[in-house]
């Protein structure tokens, strides 16, 4: 059995889930404060990975979610409500994606196209 290939460091550049950003850098990128990131973490909107030293690390995906919550808070929405809105938006997007996937015609084993 061949040994498992180790991922190259350059593979992480395209990985939206790789926790590449420190709390300070993440806050700077979305135009907020570390306290805001802690607050949305406490509201369970995002859960940053912890480095070996215990420091929070954020992925690009998490930063997009945090930026959306910040937009809502900047518009006057309370932080808990903003977090709930973002969660519901994400769930709706996933449901719409699954719905579209299930509506696509599929080929049965006989080669005929069917709809579900």
C-alpha atoms as a PDB file:
ATOM      1  CA  UNK A   1       0.000   0.000   0.000  1.00  0.00           C
ATOM      2  CA  UNK A   2       1.530   3.373  -0.982  1.00  0.00           C
ATOM      3  CA  UNK A   3       2.169   5.874   1.805  1.00  0.00           C
ATOM      4  CA  UNK A   4      -0.377   8.655   2.133  1.00  0.00           C
ATOM      5  CA  UNK A   5       0.716  11.828   0.427  1.00  0.00           C
ATOM      6  CA  UNK A   6       1.170  14.781   2.716  1.00  0.00           C
ATOM      7  CA  UNK A   7      -0.676  17.899   1.600  1.00  0.00           C
ATOM      8  CA  UNK A   8       1.585  20.595   0.229  1.00  0.00           C
ATOM      9  CA  UNK A   9       1.595  23.981   1.940  1.00  0.00           C
ATOM     10  CA  UNK A  10       0.431  25.549  -1.327  1.00  0.00           C
ATOM     11  CA  UNK A  11      -2.728  23.370  -1.242  1.00  0.00           C
ATOM     12  CA  UNK A  12      -3.892  25.415   1.747  1.00  0.00           C
ATOM     13  CA  UNK A  13      -4.039  28.644  -0.293  1.00  0.00           C
ATOM     14  CA  UNK A  14      -7.232  27.438  -1.973  1.00  0.00           C
ATOM     15  CA  UNK A  15      -8.735  25.869   1.167  1.00  0.00           C
ATOM     16  CA  UNK A  16     -11.559  28.082   2.477  1.00  0.00           C
ATOM     17  CA  UNK A  17     -11.619  26.065   5.698  1.00  0.00           C
ATOM     18  CA  UNK A  18      -7.922  26.353   6.549  1.00  0.00           C
ATOM     19  CA  UNK A  19      -7.577  28.424   9.753  1.00  0.00           C
ATOM     20  CA  UNK A  20      -4.929  30.810   8.467  1.00  0.00           C
ATOM     21  CA  UNK A  21      -5.806  34.074  10.218  1.00  0.00           C
ATOM     22  CA  UNK A  22      -5.107  35.205  13.761  1.00  0.00           C
ATOM     23  CA  UNK A  23      -7.806  36.999  15.696  1.00  0.00           C
ATOM     24  CA  UNK A  24      -6.187  40.398  15.184  1.00  0.00           C
ATOM     25  CA  UNK A  25      -5.723  39.912  11.457  1.00  0.00           C
ATOM     26  CA  UNK A  26      -9.239  38.465  11.068  1.00  0.00           C
ATOM     27  CA  UNK A  27     -10.775  41.446  12.887  1.00  0.00           C
ATOM     28  CA  UNK A  28      -8.788  43.836  10.720  1.00  0.00           C
ATOM     29  CA  UNK A  29      -9.895  42.071   7.534  1.00  0.00           C
ATOM     30  CA  UNK A  30     -13.607  42.390   8.334  1.00  0.00           C
ATOM     31  CA  UNK A  31     -13.333  45.846   9.871  1.00  0.00           C
ATOM     32  CA  UNK A  32     -14.257  44.851  13.394  1.00  0.00           C
ATOM     33  CA  UNK A  33     -12.607  44.251  16.744  1.00  0.00           C
ATOM     34  CA  UNK A  34     -11.372  41.061  18.409  1.00  0.00           C
ATOM     35  CA  UNK A  35     -14.241  41.564  20.878  1.00  0.00           C
ATOM     36  CA  UNK A  36     -16.746  41.257  18.032  1.00  0.00           C
ATOM     37  CA  UNK A  37     -15.162  37.968  16.947  1.00  0.00           C
ATOM     38  CA  UNK A  38     -15.297  36.701  20.532  1.00  0.00           C
ATOM     39  CA  UNK A  39     -18.982  37.739  20.765  1.00  0.00           C
ATOM     40  CA  UNK A  40     -20.020  35.874  17.617  1.00  0.00           C
ATOM     41  CA  UNK A  41     -18.015  32.901  18.871  1.00  0.00           C
ATOM     42  CA  UNK A  42     -19.952  32.994  22.145  1.00  0.00           C
ATOM     43  CA  UNK A  43     -23.180  33.195  20.115  1.00  0.00           C
ATOM     44  CA  UNK A  44     -21.938  30.047  18.320  1.00  0.00           C
ATOM     45  CA  UNK A  45     -22.036  31.586  14.871  1.00  0.00           C
ATOM     46  CA  UNK A  46     -18.449  30.492  14.238  1.00  0.00           C
ATOM     47  CA  UNK A  47     -16.041  28.332  16.202  1.00  0.00           C
ATOM     48  CA  UNK A  48     -12.428  29.192  15.494  1.00  0.00           C
ATOM     49  CA  UNK A  49      -9.787  26.518  15.607  1.00  0.00           C
ATOM     50  CA  UNK A  50      -7.219  26.867  18.363  1.00  0.00           C
ATOM     51  CA  UNK A  51      -3.496  26.851  17.653  1.00  0.00           C
ATOM     52  CA  UNK A  52      -1.169  24.709  19.755  1.00  0.00           C
ATOM     53  CA  UNK A  53      -0.629  27.795  21.906  1.00  0.00           C
ATOM     54  CA  UNK A  54      -4.391  28.223  22.398  1.00  0.00           C
ATOM     55  CA  UNK A  55      -4.799  31.208  20.074  1.00  0.00           C
ATOM     56  CA  UNK A  56      -7.901  31.507  17.903  1.00  0.00           C
ATOM     57  CA  UNK A  57      -7.444  30.965  14.165  1.00  0.00           C
ATOM     58  CA  UNK A  58     -10.051  31.788  11.523  1.00  0.00           C
ATOM     59  CA  UNK A  59     -10.659  30.502   8.009  1.00  0.00           C
ATOM     60  CA  UNK A  60     -11.771  32.513   4.987  1.00  0.00           C
ATOM     61  CA  UNK A  61     -15.175  30.848   5.190  1.00  0.00           C
ATOM     62  CA  UNK A  62     -15.551  31.940   8.822  1.00  0.00           C
ATOM     63  CA  UNK A  63     -14.481  35.465   7.901  1.00  0.00           C
ATOM     64  CA  UNK A  64     -17.198  35.682   5.237  1.00  0.00           C
ATOM     65  CA  UNK A  65     -19.773  34.650   7.856  1.00  0.00           C
ATOM     66  CA  UNK A  66     -18.366  37.120  10.385  1.00  0.00           C
ATOM     67  CA  UNK A  67     -18.407  39.916   7.791  1.00  0.00           C
ATOM     68  CA  UNK A  68     -22.100  39.253   7.072  1.00  0.00           C
ATOM     69  CA  UNK A  69     -22.899  39.385  10.800  1.00  0.00           C
ATOM     70  CA  UNK A  70     -20.938  42.643  11.095  1.00  0.00           C
ATOM     71  CA  UNK A  71     -22.995  44.152   8.249  1.00  0.00           C
ATOM     72  CA  UNK A  72     -26.206  43.352  10.101  1.00  0.00           C
ATOM     73  CA  UNK A  73     -24.876  44.713  13.404  1.00  0.00           C
ATOM     74  CA  UNK A  74     -23.728  47.885  11.636  1.00  0.00           C
ATOM     75  CA  UNK A  75     -27.328  48.284  10.388  1.00  0.00           C
ATOM     76  CA  UNK A  76     -28.587  48.186  13.985  1.00  0.00           C
ATOM     77  CA  UNK A  77     -29.426  44.501  14.403  1.00  0.00           C
ATOM     78  CA  UNK A  78     -28.569  43.123  17.874  1.00  0.00           C
ATOM     79  CA  UNK A  79     -25.652  40.695  17.713  1.00  0.00           C
ATOM     80  CA  UNK A  80     -27.661  37.629  18.795  1.00  0.00           C
ATOM     81  CA  UNK A  81     -30.310  38.367  16.164  1.00  0.00           C
ATOM     82  CA  UNK A  82     -27.630  38.981  13.523  1.00  0.00           C
ATOM     83  CA  UNK A  83     -26.068  35.613  14.286  1.00  0.00           C
ATOM     84  CA  UNK A  84     -29.449  33.884  14.003  1.00  0.00           C
ATOM     85  CA  UNK A  85     -30.168  35.628  10.692  1.00  0.00           C
ATOM     86  CA  UNK A  86     -26.811  34.506   9.272  1.00  0.00           C
ATOM     87  CA  UNK A  87     -27.451  30.921  10.407  1.00  0.00           C
ATOM     88  CA  UNK A  88     -30.904  30.950   8.794  1.00  0.00           C
ATOM     89  CA  UNK A  89     -29.529  32.447   5.572  1.00  0.00           C
ATOM     90  CA  UNK A  90     -26.914  29.693   5.448  1.00  0.00           C
ATOM     91  CA  UNK A  91     -29.542  26.998   6.052  1.00  0.00           C
ATOM     92  CA  UNK A  92     -31.778  28.440   3.338  1.00  0.00           C
ATOM     93  CA  UNK A  93     -28.900  28.546   0.862  1.00  0.00           C
ATOM     94  CA  UNK A  94     -28.081  24.897   1.593  1.00  0.00           C
ATOM     95  CA  UNK A  95     -31.736  23.847   1.273  1.00  0.00           C
ATOM     96  CA  UNK A  96     -32.043  25.646  -2.076  1.00  0.00           C
ATOM     97  CA  UNK A  97     -28.842  23.979  -3.287  1.00  0.00           C
ATOM     98  CA  UNK A  98     -30.114  20.531  -2.284  1.00  0.00           C
ATOM     99  CA  UNK A  99     -33.501  21.220  -3.853  1.00  0.00           C
ATOM    100  CA  UNK A 100     -31.855  22.211  -7.137  1.00  0.00           C
ATOM    101  CA  UNK A 101     -29.665  19.105  -7.013  1.00  0.00           C
ATOM    102  CA  UNK A 102     -32.688  16.853  -6.484  1.00  0.00           C
ATOM    103  CA  UNK A 103     -34.574  18.486  -9.369  1.00  0.00           C
ATOM    104  CA  UNK A 104     -31.832  17.795 -11.921  1.00  0.00           C
ATOM    105  CA  UNK A 105     -32.681  15.017 -14.349  1.00  0.00           C
ATOM    106  CA  UNK A 106     -30.827  11.791 -13.685  1.00  0.00           C
ATOM    107  CA  UNK A 107     -30.075   8.845 -15.938  1.00  0.00           C
ATOM    108  CA  UNK A 108     -31.436   5.486 -14.823  1.00  0.00           C
ATOM    109  CA  UNK A 109     -29.343   2.313 -15.356  1.00  0.00           C
ATOM    110  CA  UNK A 110     -31.078   1.782 -18.738  1.00  0.00           C
ATOM    111  CA  UNK A 111     -29.799   5.140 -19.969  1.00  0.00           C
ATOM    112  CA  UNK A 112     -33.167   6.896 -19.809  1.00  0.00           C
ATOM    113  CA  UNK A 113     -33.407  10.375 -18.333  1.00  0.00           C
ATOM    114  CA  UNK A 114     -35.812  10.719 -15.446  1.00  0.00           C
ATOM    115  CA  UNK A 115     -36.816  13.532 -13.141  1.00  0.00           C
ATOM    116  CA  UNK A 116     -37.249  13.193  -9.430  1.00  0.00           C
END
